[in-house]
Amino acid sequence: MGASKSDFFTEEQNTIANVFKALSHPARIAIIQYLLKVNSCICGDIVNELPLAQPTISQHLKELKNANIIKGTIEGTAICYCLNPETISMFEMYFNEISNQLRNKCC
């Protein structure tokens, strides 16, 4: 079996691409903004906040969790979600690097 196209790129490049892919839906951006506002929540809270069905929200949460953007902890019969600070720090470093390199270049 041949190599997949992602094999030709670094682990960092693949990780960043996977995170961006997970962020490429407006519902997921809305979920992240909600988590920032409340600091943590239970899936039912998000269902009350967004105009989407519970199964749809669960699928979006799964995508965000698979990309390591959010974390979930089980509290009784509910899962409480919050942003993953390690992934947010990776974003910050990535965009700071871009910003720093752009300061030294002109087009």
PDB file of N, CA and C in Angstrom:
ATOM      1  N   MET A   1       0.849  -1.169   0.000  1.00  0.00           N
ATOM      2  CA  MET A   1       0.000   0.000   0.000  1.00  0.00           C
ATOM      3  C   MET A   1       0.895   1.232   0.000  1.00  0.00           C
ATOM      4  N   GLY A   2       0.550   2.250  -0.782  1.00  0.00           N
ATOM      5  CA  GLY A   2       1.344   3.469  -0.888  1.00  0.00           C
ATOM      6  C   GLY A   2       1.154   4.382   0.310  1.00  0.00           C
ATOM      7  N   ALA A   3       2.026   5.349   0.388  1.00  0.00           N
ATOM      8  CA  ALA A   3       1.956   6.332   1.468  1.00  0.00           C
ATOM      9  C   ALA A   3       0.802   7.293   1.217  1.00  0.00           C
ATOM     10  N   SER A   4       0.170   7.728   2.314  1.00  0.00           N
ATOM     11  CA  SER A   4      -0.877   8.742   2.151  1.00  0.00           C
ATOM     12  C   SER A   4      -0.211  10.099   1.956  1.00  0.00           C
ATOM     13  N   LYS A   5      -0.941  11.035   1.420  1.00  0.00           N
ATOM     14  CA  LYS A   5      -0.367  12.353   1.151  1.00  0.00           C
ATOM     15  C   LYS A   5       0.106  13.036   2.426  1.00  0.00           C
ATOM     16  N   SER A   6      -0.559  12.763   3.534  1.00  0.00           N
ATOM     17  CA  SER A   6      -0.149  13.398   4.794  1.00  0.00           C
ATOM     18  C   SER A   6       1.222  12.910   5.263  1.00  0.00           C
ATOM     19  N   ASP A   7       1.660  11.750   4.772  1.00  0.00           N
ATOM     20  CA  ASP A   7       2.979  11.226   5.145  1.00  0.00           C
ATOM     21  C   ASP A   7       4.121  12.096   4.618  1.00  0.00           C
ATOM     22  N   PHE A   8       3.831  12.932   3.636  1.00  0.00           N
ATOM     23  CA  PHE A   8       4.866  13.767   3.044  1.00  0.00           C
ATOM     24  C   PHE A   8       5.096  15.064   3.828  1.00  0.00           C
ATOM     25  N   PHE A   9       4.304  15.278   4.882  1.00  0.00           N
ATOM     26  CA  PHE A   9       4.396  16.507   5.661  1.00  0.00           C
ATOM     27  C   PHE A   9       4.792  16.188   7.095  1.00  0.00           C
ATOM     28  N   THR A  10       5.267  17.210   7.793  1.00  0.00           N
ATOM     29  CA  THR A  10       5.725  16.995   9.168  1.00  0.00           C
ATOM     30  C   THR A  10       4.538  16.724  10.094  1.00  0.00           C
ATOM     31  N   GLU A  11       4.839  16.188  11.240  1.00  0.00           N
ATOM     32  CA  GLU A  11       3.802  15.935  12.246  1.00  0.00           C
ATOM     33  C   GLU A  11       3.132  17.251  12.650  1.00  0.00           C
ATOM     34  N   GLU A  12       3.932  18.299  12.796  1.00  0.00           N
ATOM     35  CA  GLU A  12       3.385  19.606  13.156  1.00  0.00           C
ATOM     36  C   GLU A  12       2.434  20.117  12.068  1.00  0.00           C
ATOM     37  N   GLN A  13       2.823  20.001  10.822  1.00  0.00           N
ATOM     38  CA  GLN A  13       1.967  20.454   9.727  1.00  0.00           C
ATOM     39  C   GLN A  13       0.657  19.673   9.693  1.00  0.00           C
ATOM     40  N   ASN A  14       0.722  18.376   9.903  1.00  0.00           N
ATOM     41  CA  ASN A  14      -0.487  17.560   9.928  1.00  0.00           C
ATOM     42  C   ASN A  14      -1.379  17.909  11.116  1.00  0.00           C
ATOM     43  N   THR A  15      -0.771  18.152  12.276  1.00  0.00           N
ATOM     44  CA  THR A  15      -1.540  18.523  13.467  1.00  0.00           C
ATOM     45  C   THR A  15      -2.265  19.843  13.254  1.00  0.00           C
ATOM     46  N   ILE A  16      -1.548  20.841  12.756  1.00  0.00           N
ATOM     47  CA  ILE A  16      -2.153  22.150  12.518  1.00  0.00           C
ATOM     48  C   ILE A  16      -3.269  22.037  11.481  1.00  0.00           C
ATOM     49  N   ALA A  17      -3.045  21.269  10.431  1.00  0.00           N
ATOM     50  CA  ALA A  17      -4.074  21.085   9.398  1.00  0.00           C
ATOM     51  C   ALA A  17      -5.316  20.402   9.972  1.00  0.00           C
ATOM     52  N   ASN A  18      -5.124  19.413  10.830  1.00  0.00           N
ATOM     53  CA  ASN A  18      -6.265  18.727  11.444  1.00  0.00           C
ATOM     54  C   ASN A  18      -7.064  19.665  12.349  1.00  0.00           C
ATOM     55  N   VAL A  19      -6.366  20.529  13.075  1.00  0.00           N
ATOM     56  CA  VAL A  19      -7.050  21.491  13.938  1.00  0.00           C
ATOM     57  C   VAL A  19      -7.844  22.474  13.079  1.00  0.00           C
ATOM     58  N   PHE A  20      -7.220  22.992  12.018  1.00  0.00           N
ATOM     59  CA  PHE A  20      -7.937  23.925  11.144  1.00  0.00           C
ATOM     60  C   PHE A  20      -9.141  23.253  10.484  1.00  0.00           C
ATOM     61  N   LYS A  21      -8.983  22.009  10.113  1.00  0.00           N
ATOM     62  CA  LYS A  21     -10.096  21.279   9.508  1.00  0.00           C
ATOM     63  C   LYS A  21     -11.257  21.176  10.498  1.00  0.00           C
ATOM     64  N   ALA A  22     -10.949  20.898  11.745  1.00  0.00           N
ATOM     65  CA  ALA A  22     -11.990  20.807  12.766  1.00  0.00           C
ATOM     66  C   ALA A  22     -12.654  22.156  13.008  1.00  0.00           C
ATOM     67  N   LEU A  23     -11.928  23.225  12.785  1.00  0.00           N
ATOM     68  CA  LEU A  23     -12.473  24.568  12.995  1.00  0.00           C
ATOM     69  C   LEU A  23     -13.215  25.108  11.776  1.00  0.00           C
ATOM     70  N   SER A  24     -13.298  24.325  10.723  1.00  0.00           N
ATOM     71  CA  SER A  24     -13.830  24.837   9.460  1.00  0.00           C
ATOM     72  C   SER A  24     -15.354  24.806   9.362  1.00  0.00           C
ATOM     73  N   HIS A  25     -16.027  24.696  10.473  1.00  0.00           N
ATOM     74  CA  HIS A  25     -17.489  24.725  10.471  1.00  0.00           C
ATOM     75  C   HIS A  25     -17.966  25.798  11.448  1.00  0.00           C
ATOM     76  N   PRO A  26     -18.904  26.657  11.032  1.00  0.00           N
ATOM     77  CA  PRO A  26     -19.338  27.749  11.910  1.00  0.00           C
ATOM     78  C   PRO A  26     -19.949  27.277  13.232  1.00  0.00           C
ATOM     79  N   ALA A  27     -20.575  26.102  13.249  1.00  0.00           N
ATOM     80  CA  ALA A  27     -21.135  25.593  14.504  1.00  0.00           C
ATOM     81  C   ALA A  27     -20.022  25.303  15.512  1.00  0.00           C
ATOM     82  N   ARG A  28     -18.890  24.829  15.029  1.00  0.00           N
ATOM     83  CA  ARG A  28     -17.765  24.534  15.933  1.00  0.00           C
ATOM     84  C   ARG A  28     -17.144  25.818  16.461  1.00  0.00           C
ATOM     85  N   ILE A  29     -17.108  26.842  15.626  1.00  0.00           N
ATOM     86  CA  ILE A  29     -16.628  28.152  16.092  1.00  0.00           C
ATOM     87  C   ILE A  29     -17.582  28.674  17.168  1.00  0.00           C
ATOM     88  N   ALA A  30     -18.889  28.527  16.949  1.00  0.00           N
ATOM     89  CA  ALA A  30     -19.880  28.966  17.929  1.00  0.00           C
ATOM     90  C   ALA A  30     -19.722  28.197  19.241  1.00  0.00           C
ATOM     91  N   ILE A  31     -19.439  26.904  19.156  1.00  0.00           N
ATOM     92  CA  ILE A  31     -19.224  26.100  20.366  1.00  0.00           C
ATOM     93  C   ILE A  31     -18.003  26.611  21.121  1.00  0.00           C
ATOM     94  N   ILE A  32     -16.927  26.887  20.419  1.00  0.00           N
ATOM     95  CA  ILE A  32     -15.716  27.400  21.064  1.00  0.00           C
ATOM     96  C   ILE A  32     -15.989  28.750  21.719  1.00  0.00           C
ATOM     97  N   GLN A  33     -16.710  29.624  21.020  1.00  0.00           N
ATOM     98  CA  GLN A  33     -17.039  30.934  21.592  1.00  0.00           C
ATOM     99  C   GLN A  33     -17.903  30.775  22.839  1.00  0.00           C
ATOM    100  N   TYR A  34     -18.821  29.823  22.813  1.00  0.00           N
ATOM    101  CA  TYR A  34     -19.649  29.566  23.989  1.00  0.00           C
ATOM    102  C   TYR A  34     -18.797  29.054  25.144  1.00  0.00           C
ATOM    103  N   LEU A  35     -17.887  28.126  24.861  1.00  0.00           N
ATOM    104  CA  LEU A  35     -17.015  27.611  25.919  1.00  0.00           C
ATOM    105  C   LEU A  35     -16.142  28.703  26.510  1.00  0.00           C
ATOM    106  N   LEU A  36     -15.691  29.635  25.682  1.00  0.00           N
ATOM    107  CA  LEU A  36     -14.910  30.764  26.190  1.00  0.00           C
ATOM    108  C   LEU A  36     -15.750  31.635  27.119  1.00  0.00           C
ATOM    109  N   LYS A  37     -17.004  31.781  26.775  1.00  0.00           N
ATOM    110  CA  LYS A  37     -17.894  32.627  27.563  1.00  0.00           C
ATOM    111  C   LYS A  37     -18.213  32.005  28.923  1.00  0.00           C
ATOM    112  N   VAL A  38     -18.441  30.689  28.950  1.00  0.00           N
ATOM    113  CA  VAL A  38     -18.876  30.030  30.181  1.00  0.00           C
ATOM    114  C   VAL A  38     -17.759  29.282  30.895  1.00  0.00           C
ATOM    115  N   ASN A  39     -16.625  29.097  30.255  1.00  0.00           N
ATOM    116  CA  ASN A  39     -15.440  28.422  30.791  1.00  0.00           C
ATOM    117  C   ASN A  39     -15.563  26.905  30.817  1.00  0.00           C
ATOM    118  N   SER A  40     -16.725  26.344  31.007  1.00  0.00           N
ATOM    119  CA  SER A  40     -16.963  24.904  30.867  1.00  0.00           C
ATOM    120  C   SER A  40     -18.473  24.705  30.775  1.00  0.00           C
ATOM    121  N   CYS A  41     -18.889  23.590  30.244  1.00  0.00           N
ATOM    122  CA  CYS A  41     -20.331  23.370  30.127  1.00  0.00           C
ATOM    123  C   CYS A  41     -20.637  21.903  29.906  1.00  0.00           C
ATOM    124  N   ILE A  42     -21.906  21.599  29.952  1.00  0.00           N
ATOM    125  CA  ILE A  42     -22.419  20.272  29.663  1.00  0.00           C
ATOM    126  C   ILE A  42     -23.097  20.355  28.297  1.00  0.00           C
ATOM    127  N   CYS A  43     -23.063  19.295  27.549  1.00  0.00           N
ATOM    128  CA  CYS A  43     -23.606  19.286  26.182  1.00  0.00           C
ATOM    129  C   CYS A  43     -25.000  19.894  26.113  1.00  0.00           C
ATOM    130  N   GLY A  44     -25.854  19.619  27.080  1.00  0.00           N
ATOM    131  CA  GLY A  44     -27.202  20.168  27.086  1.00  0.00           C
ATOM    132  C   GLY A  44     -27.222  21.681  27.114  1.00  0.00           C
ATOM    133  N   ASP A  45     -26.215  22.286  27.755  1.00  0.00           N
ATOM    134  CA  ASP A  45     -26.122  23.751  27.784  1.00  0.00           C
ATOM    135  C   ASP A  45     -25.917  24.291  26.372  1.00  0.00           C
ATOM    136  N   ILE A  46     -25.093  23.620  25.600  1.00  0.00           N
ATOM    137  CA  ILE A  46     -24.817  24.063  24.230  1.00  0.00           C
ATOM    138  C   ILE A  46     -26.068  23.903  23.369  1.00  0.00           C
ATOM    139  N   VAL A  47     -26.805  22.820  23.578  1.00  0.00           N
ATOM    140  CA  VAL A  47     -28.032  22.589  22.822  1.00  0.00           C
ATOM    141  C   VAL A  47     -29.011  23.737  23.062  1.00  0.00           C
ATOM    142  N   ASN A  48     -29.057  24.242  24.286  1.00  0.00           N
ATOM    143  CA  ASN A  48     -29.952  25.358  24.592  1.00  0.00           C
ATOM    144  C   ASN A  48     -29.460  26.664  23.980  1.00  0.00           C
ATOM    145  N   GLU A  49     -28.173  26.751  23.687  1.00  0.00           N
ATOM    146  CA  GLU A  49     -27.565  27.982  23.182  1.00  0.00           C
ATOM    147  C   GLU A  49     -27.590  28.067  21.654  1.00  0.00           C
ATOM    148  N   LEU A  50     -27.409  26.953  20.975  1.00  0.00           N
ATOM    149  CA  LEU A  50     -27.301  26.942  19.513  1.00  0.00           C
ATOM    150  C   LEU A  50     -28.556  26.345  18.866  1.00  0.00           C
ATOM    151  N   PRO A  51     -28.875  26.766  17.649  1.00  0.00           N
ATOM    152  CA  PRO A  51     -30.080  26.263  16.971  1.00  0.00           C
ATOM    153  C   PRO A  51     -29.837  24.932  16.260  1.00  0.00           C
ATOM    154  N   LEU A  52     -29.269  23.990  16.989  1.00  0.00           N
ATOM    155  CA  LEU A  52     -28.964  22.677  16.406  1.00  0.00           C
ATOM    156  C   LEU A  52     -29.493  21.581  17.325  1.00  0.00           C
ATOM    157  N   ALA A  53     -29.782  20.433  16.751  1.00  0.00           N
ATOM    158  CA  ALA A  53     -30.251  19.289  17.532  1.00  0.00           C
ATOM    159  C   ALA A  53     -29.114  18.707  18.360  1.00  0.00           C
ATOM    160  N   GLN A  54     -29.473  18.030  19.428  1.00  0.00           N
ATOM    161  CA  GLN A  54     -28.475  17.449  20.330  1.00  0.00           C
ATOM    162  C   GLN A  54     -27.530  16.483  19.616  1.00  0.00           C
ATOM    163  N   PRO A  55     -28.019  15.588  18.733  1.00  0.00           N
ATOM    164  CA  PRO A  55     -27.080  14.693  18.037  1.00  0.00           C
ATOM    165  C   PRO A  55     -26.083  15.458  17.151  1.00  0.00           C
ATOM    166  N   THR A  56     -26.531  16.550  16.548  1.00  0.00           N
ATOM    167  CA  THR A  56     -25.646  17.359  15.705  1.00  0.00           C
ATOM    168  C   THR A  56     -24.574  18.021  16.555  1.00  0.00           C
ATOM    169  N   ILE A  57     -24.971  18.553  17.692  1.00  0.00           N
ATOM    170  CA  ILE A  57     -23.996  19.179  18.600  1.00  0.00           C
ATOM    171  C   ILE A  57     -23.002  18.132  19.093  1.00  0.00           C
ATOM    172  N   SER A  58     -23.498  16.956  19.421  1.00  0.00           N
ATOM    173  CA  SER A  58     -22.600  15.886  19.878  1.00  0.00           C
ATOM    174  C   SER A  58     -21.566  15.538  18.810  1.00  0.00           C
ATOM    175  N   GLN A  59     -21.976  15.510  17.545  1.00  0.00           N
ATOM    176  CA  GLN A  59     -21.036  15.214  16.460  1.00  0.00           C
ATOM    177  C   GLN A  59     -19.984  16.317  16.342  1.00  0.00           C
ATOM    178  N   HIS A  60     -20.405  17.583  16.457  1.00  0.00           N
ATOM    179  CA  HIS A  60     -19.446  18.688  16.400  1.00  0.00           C
ATOM    180  C   HIS A  60     -18.482  18.634  17.592  1.00  0.00           C
ATOM    181  N   LEU A  61     -18.999  18.306  18.768  1.00  0.00           N
ATOM    182  CA  LEU A  61     -18.134  18.169  19.948  1.00  0.00           C
ATOM    183  C   LEU A  61     -17.126  17.034  19.744  1.00  0.00           C
ATOM    184  N   LYS A  62     -17.574  15.960  19.135  1.00  0.00           N
ATOM    185  CA  LYS A  62     -16.680  14.832  18.854  1.00  0.00           C
ATOM    186  C   LYS A  62     -15.542  15.263  17.927  1.00  0.00           C
ATOM    187  N   GLU A  63     -15.866  16.034  16.882  1.00  0.00           N
ATOM    188  CA  GLU A  63     -14.831  16.522  15.962  1.00  0.00           C
ATOM    189  C   GLU A  63     -13.837  17.429  16.682  1.00  0.00           C
ATOM    190  N   LEU A  64     -14.341  18.317  17.520  1.00  0.00           N
ATOM    191  CA  LEU A  64     -13.458  19.215  18.274  1.00  0.00           C
ATOM    192  C   LEU A  64     -12.590  18.430  19.257  1.00  0.00           C
ATOM    193  N   LYS A  65     -13.164  17.421  19.864  1.00  0.00           N
ATOM    194  CA  LYS A  65     -12.399  16.597  20.817  1.00  0.00           C
ATOM    195  C   LYS A  65     -11.353  15.760  20.088  1.00  0.00           C
ATOM    196  N   ASN A  66     -11.701  15.190  18.940  1.00  0.00           N
ATOM    197  CA  ASN A  66     -10.745  14.393  18.167  1.00  0.00           C
ATOM    198  C   ASN A  66      -9.558  15.238  17.706  1.00  0.00           C
ATOM    199  N   ALA A  67      -9.799  16.519  17.463  1.00  0.00           N
ATOM    200  CA  ALA A  67      -8.714  17.429  17.063  1.00  0.00           C
ATOM    201  C   ALA A  67      -7.984  17.999  18.279  1.00  0.00           C
ATOM    202  N   ASN A  68      -8.375  17.565  19.465  1.00  0.00           N
ATOM    203  CA  ASN A  68      -7.725  17.969  20.717  1.00  0.00           C
ATOM    204  C   ASN A  68      -7.947  19.455  21.034  1.00  0.00           C
ATOM    205  N   ILE A  69      -8.997  20.046  20.480  1.00  0.00           N
ATOM    206  CA  ILE A  69      -9.297  21.449  20.727  1.00  0.00           C
ATOM    207  C   ILE A  69     -10.049  21.604  22.050  1.00  0.00           C
ATOM    208  N   ILE A  70     -10.872  20.606  22.373  1.00  0.00           N
ATOM    209  CA  ILE A  70     -11.585  20.621  23.641  1.00  0.00           C
ATOM    210  C   ILE A  70     -11.287  19.344  24.406  1.00  0.00           C
ATOM    211  N   LYS A  71     -11.569  19.390  25.702  1.00  0.00           N
ATOM    212  CA  LYS A  71     -11.454  18.220  26.560  1.00  0.00           C
ATOM    213  C   LYS A  71     -12.801  18.009  27.217  1.00  0.00           C
ATOM    214  N   GLY A  72     -13.092  16.789  27.576  1.00  0.00           N
ATOM    215  CA  GLY A  72     -14.340  16.486  28.259  1.00  0.00           C
ATOM    216  C   GLY A  72     -14.088  15.625  29.478  1.00  0.00           C
ATOM    217  N   THR A  73     -14.778  15.958  30.555  1.00  0.00           N
ATOM    218  CA  THR A  73     -14.705  15.146  31.767  1.00  0.00           C
ATOM    219  C   THR A  73     -16.101  14.686  32.120  1.00  0.00           C
ATOM    220  N   ILE A  74     -16.198  13.464  32.575  1.00  0.00           N
ATOM    221  CA  ILE A  74     -17.500  12.894  32.913  1.00  0.00           C
ATOM    222  C   ILE A  74     -17.862  13.314  34.333  1.00  0.00           C
ATOM    223  N   GLU A  75     -19.067  13.875  34.451  1.00  0.00           N
ATOM    224  CA  GLU A  75     -19.606  14.263  35.757  1.00  0.00           C
ATOM    225  C   GLU A  75     -20.984  13.633  35.886  1.00  0.00           C
ATOM    226  N   GLY A  76     -21.052  12.495  36.556  1.00  0.00           N
ATOM    227  CA  GLY A  76     -22.314  11.765  36.655  1.00  0.00           C
ATOM    228  C   GLY A  76     -22.682  11.195  35.298  1.00  0.00           C
ATOM    229  N   THR A  77     -23.851  11.602  34.790  1.00  0.00           N
ATOM    230  CA  THR A  77     -24.294  11.114  33.486  1.00  0.00           C
ATOM    231  C   THR A  77     -24.014  12.130  32.384  1.00  0.00           C
ATOM    232  N   ALA A  78     -23.336  13.219  32.707  1.00  0.00           N
ATOM    233  CA  ALA A  78     -23.071  14.276  31.726  1.00  0.00           C
ATOM    234  C   ALA A  78     -21.568  14.415  31.481  1.00  0.00           C
ATOM    235  N   ILE A  79     -21.241  15.018  30.354  1.00  0.00           N
ATOM    236  CA  ILE A  79     -19.846  15.321  30.035  1.00  0.00           C
ATOM    237  C   ILE A  79     -19.692  16.828  30.040  1.00  0.00           C
ATOM    238  N   CYS A  80     -18.730  17.298  30.823  1.00  0.00           N
ATOM    239  CA  CYS A  80     -18.457  18.725  30.920  1.00  0.00           C
ATOM    240  C   CYS A  80     -17.267  19.040  30.012  1.00  0.00           C
ATOM    241  N   TYR A  81     -17.436  20.000  29.111  1.00  0.00           N
ATOM    242  CA  TYR A  81     -16.411  20.331  28.121  1.00  0.00           C
ATOM    243  C   TYR A  81     -15.711  21.637  28.455  1.00  0.00           C
ATOM    244  N   CYS A  82     -14.438  21.722  28.074  1.00  0.00           N
ATOM    245  CA  CYS A  82     -13.670  22.959  28.187  1.00  0.00           C
ATOM    246  C   CYS A  82     -12.609  22.960  27.086  1.00  0.00           C
ATOM    247  N   LEU A  83     -12.063  24.136  26.823  1.00  0.00           N
ATOM    248  CA  LEU A  83     -11.003  24.242  25.813  1.00  0.00           C
ATOM    249  C   LEU A  83      -9.723  23.600  26.328  1.00  0.00           C
ATOM    250  N   ASN A  84      -8.945  23.034  25.426  1.00  0.00           N
ATOM    251  CA  ASN A  84      -7.663  22.431  25.774  1.00  0.00           C
ATOM    252  C   ASN A  84      -6.585  23.510  25.686  1.00  0.00           C
ATOM    253  N   PRO A  85      -6.028  23.939  26.823  1.00  0.00           N
ATOM    254  CA  PRO A  85      -5.044  25.027  26.805  1.00  0.00           C
ATOM    255  C   PRO A  85      -3.795  24.705  25.986  1.00  0.00           C
ATOM    256  N   GLU A  86      -3.428  23.437  25.890  1.00  0.00           N
ATOM    257  CA  GLU A  86      -2.235  23.071  25.109  1.00  0.00           C
ATOM    258  C   GLU A  86      -2.445  23.366  23.629  1.00  0.00           C
ATOM    259  N   THR A  87      -3.622  23.058  23.117  1.00  0.00           N
ATOM    260  CA  THR A  87      -3.908  23.325  21.709  1.00  0.00           C
ATOM    261  C   THR A  87      -4.019  24.822  21.467  1.00  0.00           C
ATOM    262  N   ILE A  88      -4.615  25.539  22.388  1.00  0.00           N
ATOM    263  CA  ILE A  88      -4.727  26.993  22.261  1.00  0.00           C
ATOM    264  C   ILE A  88      -3.330  27.617  22.269  1.00  0.00           C
ATOM    265  N   SER A  89      -2.435  27.114  23.101  1.00  0.00           N
ATOM    266  CA  SER A  89      -1.046  27.605  23.120  1.00  0.00           C
ATOM    267  C   SER A  89      -0.342  27.324  21.804  1.00  0.00           C
ATOM    268  N   MET A  90      -0.625  26.150  21.206  1.00  0.00           N
ATOM    269  CA  MET A  90      -0.032  25.825  19.910  1.00  0.00           C
ATOM    270  C   MET A  90      -0.479  26.837  18.862  1.00  0.00           C
ATOM    271  N   PHE A  91      -1.780  27.192  18.893  1.00  0.00           N
ATOM    272  CA  PHE A  91      -2.291  28.228  17.994  1.00  0.00           C
ATOM    273  C   PHE A  91      -1.546  29.538  18.183  1.00  0.00           C
ATOM    274  N   GLU A  92      -1.420  29.914  19.431  1.00  0.00           N
ATOM    275  CA  GLU A  92      -0.765  31.181  19.754  1.00  0.00           C
ATOM    276  C   GLU A  92       0.666  31.208  19.220  1.00  0.00           C
ATOM    277  N   MET A  93       1.414  30.147  19.443  1.00  0.00           N
ATOM    278  CA  MET A  93       2.790  30.080  18.953  1.00  0.00           C
ATOM    279  C   MET A  93       2.824  30.098  17.428  1.00  0.00           C
ATOM    280  N   TYR A  94       1.926  29.363  16.792  1.00  0.00           N
ATOM    281  CA  TYR A  94       1.886  29.293  15.332  1.00  0.00           C
ATOM    282  C   TYR A  94       1.624  30.669  14.727  1.00  0.00           C
ATOM    283  N   PHE A  95       0.616  31.355  15.235  1.00  0.00           N
ATOM    284  CA  PHE A  95       0.287  32.662  14.680  1.00  0.00           C
ATOM    285  C   PHE A  95       1.297  33.739  15.076  1.00  0.00           C
ATOM    286  N   ASN A  96       1.907  33.612  16.246  1.00  0.00           N
ATOM    287  CA  ASN A  96       2.976  34.545  16.619  1.00  0.00           C
ATOM    288  C   ASN A  96       4.167  34.400  15.678  1.00  0.00           C
ATOM    289  N   GLU A  97       4.495  33.159  15.318  1.00  0.00           N
ATOM    290  CA  GLU A  97       5.597  32.920  14.386  1.00  0.00           C
ATOM    291  C   GLU A  97       5.298  33.553  13.027  1.00  0.00           C
ATOM    292  N   ILE A  98       4.082  33.380  12.551  1.00  0.00           N
ATOM    293  CA  ILE A  98       3.694  33.996  11.280  1.00  0.00           C
ATOM    294  C   ILE A  98       3.784  35.515  11.385  1.00  0.00           C
ATOM    295  N   SER A  99       3.238  36.053  12.453  1.00  0.00           N
ATOM    296  CA  SER A  99       3.246  37.501  12.647  1.00  0.00           C
ATOM    297  C   SER A  99       4.669  38.053  12.713  1.00  0.00           C
ATOM    298  N   ASN A 100       5.548  37.372  13.442  1.00  0.00           N
ATOM    299  CA  ASN A 100       6.934  37.820  13.555  1.00  0.00           C
ATOM    300  C   ASN A 100       7.641  37.773  12.199  1.00  0.00           C
ATOM    301  N   GLN A 101       7.387  36.745  11.425  1.00  0.00           N
ATOM    302  CA  GLN A 101       8.024  36.651  10.109  1.00  0.00           C
ATOM    303  C   GLN A 101       7.479  37.708   9.153  1.00  0.00           C
ATOM    304  N   LEU A 102       6.222  38.058   9.271  1.00  0.00           N
ATOM    305  CA  LEU A 102       5.653  39.067   8.389  1.00  0.00           C
ATOM    306  C   LEU A 102       6.200  40.472   8.689  1.00  0.00           C
ATOM    307  N   ARG A 103       6.571  40.709   9.924  1.00  0.00           N
ATOM    308  CA  ARG A 103       7.130  42.013  10.288  1.00  0.00           C
ATOM    309  C   ARG A 103       8.444  42.276   9.551  1.00  0.00           C
ATOM    310  N   ASN A 104       9.155  41.234   9.220  1.00  0.00           N
ATOM    311  CA  ASN A 104      10.471  41.369   8.587  1.00  0.00           C
ATOM    312  C   ASN A 104      10.411  41.234   7.077  1.00  0.00           C
ATOM    313  N   LYS A 105       9.224  41.188   6.523  1.00  0.00           N
ATOM    314  CA  LYS A 105       9.103  41.002   5.070  1.00  0.00           C
ATOM    315  C   LYS A 105       8.170  42.060   4.510  1.00  0.00           C
ATOM    316  N   CYS A 106       8.383  42.329   3.256  1.00  0.00           N
ATOM    317  CA  CYS A 106       7.408  43.178   2.575  1.00  0.00           C
ATOM    318  C   CYS A 106       7.179  42.575   1.181  1.00  0.00           C
ATOM    319  N   CYS A 107       6.075  42.923   0.582  1.00  0.00           N
ATOM    320  CA  CYS A 107       5.788  42.351  -0.738  1.00  0.00           C
ATOM    321  C   CYS A 107       5.661  43.445  -1.783  1.00  0.00           C
TER     322      CYS A 107
END
